[in-house]
Amino acid sequence: MNESVKQLFESQLVNWPLARTNFEGLKTVKEKTFSFEGFDVKVQFNPARIVSSAAKVDAQSIAARKCFLCAANRPPEQEDVSYQQYSILVNPFPIFPEHFTIVHQRHIPQQIKPFFSDLLQLAKEMSDYVLFYNGPECGASAPDHLHFQAGTKNFLPLMKDYQSMKAKNAICFYKNQSCEAFRLDHYLRTVICIESSDVFAANDFFIGLYADLQGTNLNEPMMNIVCDFRDGKWHTFIFPRDKFRPWQYTADEPDKLLVSPATVEMSGVLITPIESHFDKIGEDDVRSILTQSTLTFEIN
C-alpha cells in the first residue's frame, strides 16, 4: 500500500495544478517554535488552510453544500487508490509534505466507534505514514462523510516527544499481554496512548475508553486520534476534547486568533491561515488554546 499511495502522490503533483501549487507552497510557509518543559509546540502560517480553519460545520451549512468527499462531487483531476471500502485521495490543501484523505466509499456520518479497527488496519497498511481522525465536533470539515487522514510519519511533534515524555511524565493505568495504556501528564493537553500488538485488544480497550468518555451523552464524545504502526505495534494517541474552538477564534481584534484545533494542533502544530495572527501569537496564547481545548478527567 505504501508504494501505491506514493505513486498516487507523484501522479497528482504532475496532473493536478491545485495540488501541485499548494504542496509547492508548503516549502515557503512561515513557522516558529515555542519551547515548554521538555517539549516544543510549533505554529505555522499556512494560507491554503483557510478552507479548513474557517469551515462552517453547522448543520445548516452542511445541508446547503454538496459533499466534496463523495466521488460524484470531486474535482475531475482528483485520482484515488482503493483499499477495501475506502478511497485514498491526495489532500489538495496540505499541512504535511505528503498529505492524504482516506474516504469511506459510502456517504455515512463521521464516526469512530464502528470503524476504529479500520483506522488501525489502515495505519498498518500505510506504515510509512501517520493516520489520524478528527471527530465530527472537533475538527472534521466534512462531518457528514466518514474519513481519516494520513501524513508524513515524523512531522508531528507528538511522535518525537512520546518516548521522552513517557519516561518522565506518563502513568500506565492498564496492562495485559498485548495492550498497555498510558496517560501523558504535564503536556498542556490530555493524551492517552494505547500501545498494542493486537488489533482486537486495542479495539476492546478503545471501546471501553469511548464509553467512559461518552457517559450518558448519546453523541460521540469529542476526540481527536492519531495512530501509527511501527516495530510490530500500534501506537494510538487519543485527545479527549472539551471544546471545539477557543475563545480567541471568535474574539475581536486585537485578541482574535484564527486557530481551529484539530488533531494536528493537538499533536503540536498550530495552524493559522492569517499572517497577522501568526505574527502576534505568543507562548501564552499557545498555552491557552491547548488547555482550553483539552478535557481533563480521572483515569480509573
Protein backbone atom coordinates (compact mmCIF):
# COMPACT_ATOMS: atom_id res chain seq x y z
CA MET A 1 0.00 0.00 0.00
CA ASN A 2 2.85 2.42 0.78
CA GLU A 3 4.15 2.22 -2.76
CA SER A 4 0.69 2.68 -4.30
CA VAL A 5 -0.05 5.86 -2.35
CA LYS A 6 3.40 7.27 -3.11
CA GLN A 7 2.77 6.69 -6.80
CA LEU A 8 -0.63 8.39 -6.44
CA PHE A 9 1.03 11.37 -4.78
CA GLU A 10 3.62 11.76 -7.53
CA SER A 11 0.97 11.41 -10.23
CA GLN A 12 -1.26 14.07 -8.66
CA LEU A 13 1.60 16.56 -8.42
CA VAL A 14 2.08 16.17 -12.16
CA ASN A 15 -1.58 16.11 -13.24
CA TRP A 16 -3.41 18.33 -10.73
CA PRO A 17 -2.34 22.00 -10.76
CA LEU A 18 -4.15 22.89 -7.49
CA ALA A 19 -2.38 20.13 -5.57
CA ARG A 20 0.98 20.94 -7.16
CA THR A 21 0.68 24.63 -6.29
CA ASN A 22 -0.34 24.04 -2.68
CA PHE A 23 2.31 21.40 -1.99
CA GLU A 24 4.94 23.71 -3.50
CA GLY A 25 3.61 26.41 -1.19
CA LEU A 26 4.50 24.30 1.84
CA LYS A 27 8.16 24.87 1.09
CA THR A 28 7.83 28.56 1.95
CA VAL A 29 5.36 28.52 4.87
CA LYS A 30 6.44 30.54 7.89
CA GLU A 31 6.94 28.66 11.13
CA LYS A 32 8.01 29.42 14.67
CA THR A 33 8.56 27.26 17.74
CA PHE A 34 7.71 27.71 21.40
CA SER A 35 9.56 25.62 23.97
CA PHE A 36 7.87 24.31 27.08
CA GLU A 37 9.22 21.99 29.75
CA GLY A 38 10.59 19.06 27.75
CA PHE A 39 8.67 19.62 24.52
CA ASP A 40 8.02 22.13 21.73
CA VAL A 41 4.89 23.42 20.02
CA LYS A 42 5.15 24.81 16.51
CA VAL A 43 2.97 27.50 14.91
CA GLN A 44 2.66 27.59 11.13
CA PHE A 45 1.30 30.26 8.82
CA ASN A 46 -0.39 28.30 6.03
CA PRO A 47 -2.81 30.44 3.97
CA ALA A 48 -4.19 27.49 1.98
CA ARG A 49 -5.67 26.07 5.19
CA ILE A 50 -8.26 28.85 5.36
CA VAL A 51 -10.58 26.32 3.66
CA SER A 52 -10.44 24.13 6.76
CA SER A 53 -9.78 26.63 9.54
CA ALA A 54 -12.77 28.77 8.58
CA ALA A 55 -15.05 25.92 7.52
CA LYS A 56 -18.69 26.24 8.55
CA VAL A 57 -19.69 22.89 10.04
CA ASP A 58 -23.10 23.69 11.45
CA ALA A 59 -25.98 21.51 10.25
CA GLN A 60 -27.48 24.24 8.03
CA SER A 61 -24.20 24.92 6.22
CA ILE A 62 -23.54 21.20 5.72
CA ALA A 63 -27.02 20.67 4.29
CA ALA A 64 -26.59 23.58 1.86
CA ARG A 65 -23.48 22.30 0.12
CA LYS A 66 -22.59 19.23 -1.90
CA CYS A 67 -20.32 16.76 -0.13
CA PHE A 68 -16.84 17.37 -1.51
CA LEU A 69 -15.69 13.88 -0.42
CA CYS A 70 -18.27 11.97 -2.46
CA ALA A 71 -16.88 10.65 -5.73
CA ALA A 72 -19.55 12.40 -7.81
CA ASN A 73 -18.53 15.82 -6.47
CA ARG A 74 -14.74 15.59 -6.51
CA PRO A 75 -12.63 17.57 -8.99
CA PRO A 76 -12.10 15.63 -12.24
CA GLU A 77 -8.32 15.79 -11.66
CA GLN A 78 -8.54 14.03 -8.29
CA GLU A 79 -7.47 10.40 -8.60
CA ASP A 80 -7.69 7.70 -5.94
CA VAL A 81 -6.33 4.39 -4.72
CA SER A 82 -8.89 1.92 -3.40
CA TYR A 83 -8.45 -0.10 -0.23
CA GLN A 84 -11.37 -2.28 0.81
CA GLN A 85 -14.27 0.17 1.41
CA TYR A 86 -12.10 3.30 1.29
CA SER A 87 -10.69 5.62 -1.36
CA ILE A 88 -7.30 7.20 -0.67
CA LEU A 89 -7.00 10.73 -2.09
CA VAL A 90 -4.29 13.36 -2.13
CA ASN A 91 -5.39 16.26 0.08
CA PRO A 92 -5.12 19.42 -2.08
CA PHE A 93 -4.92 21.71 0.98
CA PRO A 94 -1.96 20.11 2.75
CA ILE A 95 -0.23 20.53 6.07
CA PHE A 96 2.17 17.59 5.72
CA PRO A 97 4.77 17.25 2.93
CA GLU A 98 2.67 14.24 1.88
CA HIS A 99 -0.98 14.52 2.92
CA PHE A 100 -3.88 12.21 2.10
CA THR A 101 -7.59 11.97 2.86
CA ILE A 102 -8.99 8.45 3.25
CA VAL A 103 -12.68 8.49 2.39
CA HIS A 104 -15.31 5.85 3.01
CA GLN A 105 -16.90 4.95 -0.30
CA ARG A 106 -20.40 5.44 1.14
CA HIS A 107 -21.75 8.76 2.35
CA ILE A 108 -22.08 7.96 6.05
CA PRO A 109 -21.51 10.32 9.01
CA GLN A 110 -18.13 10.88 10.59
CA GLN A 111 -17.94 8.40 13.48
CA ILE A 112 -15.15 6.36 15.01
CA LYS A 113 -16.62 3.65 17.24
CA PRO A 114 -17.64 1.18 14.46
CA PHE A 115 -14.53 1.98 12.39
CA PHE A 116 -11.70 2.20 14.92
CA SER A 117 -10.28 -1.15 13.79
CA ASP A 118 -10.33 0.14 10.19
CA LEU A 119 -8.13 3.02 11.29
CA LEU A 120 -5.67 0.55 12.83
CA GLN A 121 -5.60 -1.65 9.74
CA LEU A 122 -5.05 1.36 7.50
CA ALA A 123 -2.19 2.51 9.77
CA LYS A 124 -0.55 -0.89 9.30
CA GLU A 125 -1.07 -0.89 5.53
CA MET A 126 0.24 2.69 5.29
CA SER A 127 3.07 2.21 7.77
CA ASP A 128 5.22 4.93 6.16
CA TYR A 129 2.63 7.47 7.36
CA VAL A 130 0.78 8.54 10.46
CA LEU A 131 -3.04 8.18 10.35
CA PHE A 132 -5.48 10.46 12.13
CA TYR A 133 -9.15 11.12 12.81
CA ASN A 134 -10.96 14.37 13.57
CA GLY A 135 -14.23 13.97 15.41
CA PRO A 136 -17.41 15.45 13.89
CA GLU A 137 -17.49 18.18 16.54
CA CYS A 138 -13.79 18.89 16.87
CA GLY A 139 -12.07 19.45 13.56
CA ALA A 140 -13.70 17.44 10.79
CA SER A 141 -14.50 19.82 7.93
CA ALA A 142 -16.82 17.15 6.46
CA PRO A 143 -18.67 15.75 9.49
CA ASP A 144 -21.28 14.30 7.14
CA HIS A 145 -18.85 11.89 5.44
CA LEU A 146 -16.64 9.36 7.22
CA HIS A 147 -12.96 9.92 6.56
CA PHE A 148 -9.49 9.62 8.03
CA GLN A 149 -6.31 11.42 7.02
CA ALA A 150 -2.67 10.41 6.64
CA GLY A 151 0.54 12.38 6.58
CA THR A 152 4.31 12.26 6.65
CA LYS A 153 5.39 10.00 9.53
CA ASN A 154 7.59 12.22 11.70
CA PHE A 155 6.04 15.61 11.02
CA LEU A 156 4.02 15.86 14.24
CA PRO A 157 5.99 16.84 17.37
CA LEU A 158 3.95 14.36 19.43
CA MET A 159 5.55 11.44 17.61
CA LYS A 160 9.00 12.74 18.53
CA ASP A 161 8.04 13.70 22.08
CA TYR A 162 6.35 10.50 23.12
CA GLN A 163 9.21 8.31 24.31
CA SER A 164 10.90 11.05 26.33
CA MET A 165 7.60 12.30 27.76
CA LYS A 166 6.56 8.73 28.53
CA ALA A 167 9.75 8.15 30.51
CA LYS A 168 9.23 11.30 32.60
CA ASN A 169 5.53 12.07 32.72
CA ALA A 170 3.41 9.02 31.89
CA ILE A 171 1.15 6.93 34.08
CA CYS A 172 0.44 3.35 32.97
CA PHE A 173 -3.13 2.65 34.01
CA TYR A 174 -3.86 -0.53 32.06
CA LYS A 175 -1.75 -3.52 31.04
CA ASN A 176 -2.19 -7.03 29.72
CA GLN A 177 -0.12 -9.30 27.49
CA SER A 178 -0.88 -7.44 24.26
CA CYS A 179 -2.05 -3.97 25.26
CA GLU A 180 -0.93 -1.13 27.51
CA ALA A 181 -2.46 2.28 28.09
CA PHE A 182 -0.66 5.40 29.31
CA ARG A 183 -1.69 8.94 30.18
CA LEU A 184 0.80 11.72 29.50
CA ASP A 185 0.94 14.43 32.14
CA HIS A 186 2.44 17.94 32.03
CA TYR A 187 1.90 18.23 28.27
CA LEU A 188 -0.64 21.12 28.12
CA ARG A 189 -3.28 18.70 26.89
CA THR A 190 -4.62 15.32 27.94
CA VAL A 191 -3.13 12.48 25.86
CA ILE A 192 -3.92 8.79 26.23
CA CYS A 193 -1.74 6.33 24.34
CA ILE A 194 -2.75 2.76 23.57
CA GLU A 195 0.25 0.58 22.72
CA SER A 196 -0.81 -2.77 21.33
CA SER A 197 0.43 -5.60 19.14
CA ASP A 198 -3.10 -6.96 18.73
CA VAL A 199 -5.84 -5.12 16.85
CA PHE A 200 -8.64 -6.78 18.83
CA ALA A 201 -7.10 -5.92 22.20
CA ALA A 202 -6.60 -2.31 21.11
CA ASN A 203 -10.17 -2.11 19.84
CA ASP A 204 -11.58 -3.59 23.06
CA PHE A 205 -9.70 -1.07 25.19
CA PHE A 206 -10.78 1.80 22.96
CA ILE A 207 -14.45 0.81 23.18
CA GLY A 208 -14.20 0.89 26.98
CA LEU A 209 -12.49 4.29 26.94
CA TYR A 210 -15.12 5.57 24.49
CA ALA A 211 -17.88 4.53 26.90
CA ASP A 212 -16.14 6.28 29.80
CA LEU A 213 -15.83 9.50 27.80
CA GLN A 214 -19.37 9.28 26.45
CA GLY A 215 -21.12 8.79 29.78
CA THR A 216 -24.85 9.35 29.35
CA ASN A 217 -24.41 11.55 26.25
CA LEU A 218 -25.72 9.83 23.14
CA ASN A 219 -23.40 11.78 20.82
CA GLU A 220 -19.86 10.73 20.03
CA PRO A 221 -17.52 12.07 22.72
CA MET A 222 -15.35 14.85 21.37
CA MET A 223 -11.93 13.46 20.47
CA ASN A 224 -9.05 13.53 18.05
CA ILE A 225 -6.98 10.42 17.31
CA VAL A 226 -3.58 9.84 15.76
CA CYS A 227 -2.11 6.40 15.08
CA ASP A 228 0.95 4.81 13.56
CA PHE A 229 2.30 1.28 13.22
CA ARG A 230 5.97 0.57 13.86
CA ASP A 231 8.08 -2.29 15.20
CA GLY A 232 5.09 -4.63 15.14
CA LYS A 233 2.96 -2.42 17.36
CA TRP A 234 0.26 0.23 17.06
CA HIS A 235 0.68 3.49 18.96
CA THR A 236 -2.70 5.19 19.12
CA PHE A 237 -2.96 8.62 20.75
CA ILE A 238 -6.35 9.90 21.87
CA PHE A 239 -7.02 13.54 22.72
CA PRO A 240 -10.27 13.93 24.69
CA ARG A 241 -11.71 17.35 23.89
CA ASP A 242 -13.59 19.89 25.98
CA LYS A 243 -14.46 22.41 23.27
CA PHE A 244 -14.14 22.78 19.51
CA ARG A 245 -12.66 26.26 19.19
CA PRO A 246 -11.04 28.54 21.80
CA TRP A 247 -12.47 31.91 22.73
CA GLN A 248 -9.76 33.60 20.65
CA TYR A 249 -11.33 32.19 17.46
CA THR A 250 -14.38 34.49 17.68
CA ALA A 251 -12.76 37.38 19.60
CA ASP A 252 -12.46 40.86 18.15
CA GLU A 253 -9.09 42.26 17.20
CA PRO A 254 -6.51 42.54 18.68
CA ASP A 255 -7.30 39.32 20.61
CA LYS A 256 -8.58 37.34 17.62
CA LEU A 257 -6.56 34.28 16.57
CA LEU A 258 -7.93 32.08 13.78
CA VAL A 259 -6.69 28.75 15.16
CA SER A 260 -9.18 25.87 15.00
CA PRO A 261 -7.69 22.95 16.95
CA ALA A 262 -7.97 19.52 15.40
CA THR A 263 -5.60 16.52 15.50
CA VAL A 264 -2.63 18.36 14.01
CA GLU A 265 -2.90 21.19 16.52
CA MET A 266 -3.39 18.83 19.45
CA SER A 267 -0.29 16.96 18.24
CA GLY A 268 1.85 20.09 18.45
CA VAL A 269 1.49 22.11 15.22
CA LEU A 270 -0.89 25.07 15.45
CA ILE A 271 -2.02 26.26 12.03
CA THR A 272 -3.23 29.76 11.29
CA PRO A 273 -4.09 30.89 7.74
CA ILE A 274 -3.76 34.61 8.58
CA GLU A 275 -0.28 36.10 8.63
CA SER A 276 -1.01 38.84 11.16
CA HIS A 277 -2.32 36.20 13.56
CA PHE A 278 0.83 34.15 13.04
CA ASP A 279 2.97 37.21 13.75
CA LYS A 280 1.26 38.07 17.05
CA ILE A 281 0.63 34.63 18.55
CA GLY A 282 2.79 34.06 21.62
CA GLU A 283 3.62 31.43 24.20
CA ASP A 284 0.71 32.38 26.47
CA ASP A 285 -1.69 32.10 23.52
CA VAL A 286 -0.41 28.62 22.67
CA ARG A 287 -0.82 27.53 26.27
CA SER A 288 -4.32 29.00 26.45
CA ILE A 289 -5.54 27.47 23.18
CA LEU A 290 -4.36 23.97 24.03
CA THR A 291 -5.53 23.94 27.64
CA GLN A 292 -8.97 25.27 26.66
CA SER A 293 -9.33 22.57 24.02
CA THR A 294 -8.47 19.55 26.16
CA LEU A 295 -10.66 17.57 28.53
CA THR A 296 -9.30 16.66 31.96
CA PHE A 297 -10.81 13.57 33.54
CA GLU A 298 -9.91 10.91 36.08
CA ILE A 299 -8.45 7.59 34.99
CA ASN A 300 -9.91 4.64 36.90
